[in-house]
């Protein structure tokens, strides 16, 4: 099946629908979706940055993950496009990330929410959906 995504926009929100063969790939696909709308690139790469998150379940980790990536974009001007050494359990995520330096963070995403949050196995792999405030 591989990884894929779809976005649905509505006034005040952006729904991100993600499909992947493995749970870790859902997180990578979410990062790619956010990076696509981050803003114009400067043409240089950021340094590798460690990320460690803990939540009550994988769905909560997905919300925290997206919020961490939004934070990196807003505060450091980085669109995370690369994820390395990703280690994922039911309640923890650890990895290193880097990406493109931005001229300006222009993502419409302000924060990931728990509203209508899903992260579940399917016959074809894994499916997740998360709503972001815009």
Foldseek 3Di string as FASTA:
>chain_A
DAKDWDWDDDVFKIKIKIDHAELVVRLLVLLVVQLVQFAAFPPDKDDKDKDKFFDPFSLVVSQVSVQVQVVCCQPVQFRWNDWAPWDDDGTMTITITMGTHHPHGGGQFDGKDPPVWDWDADPRHIMTMIMGGD
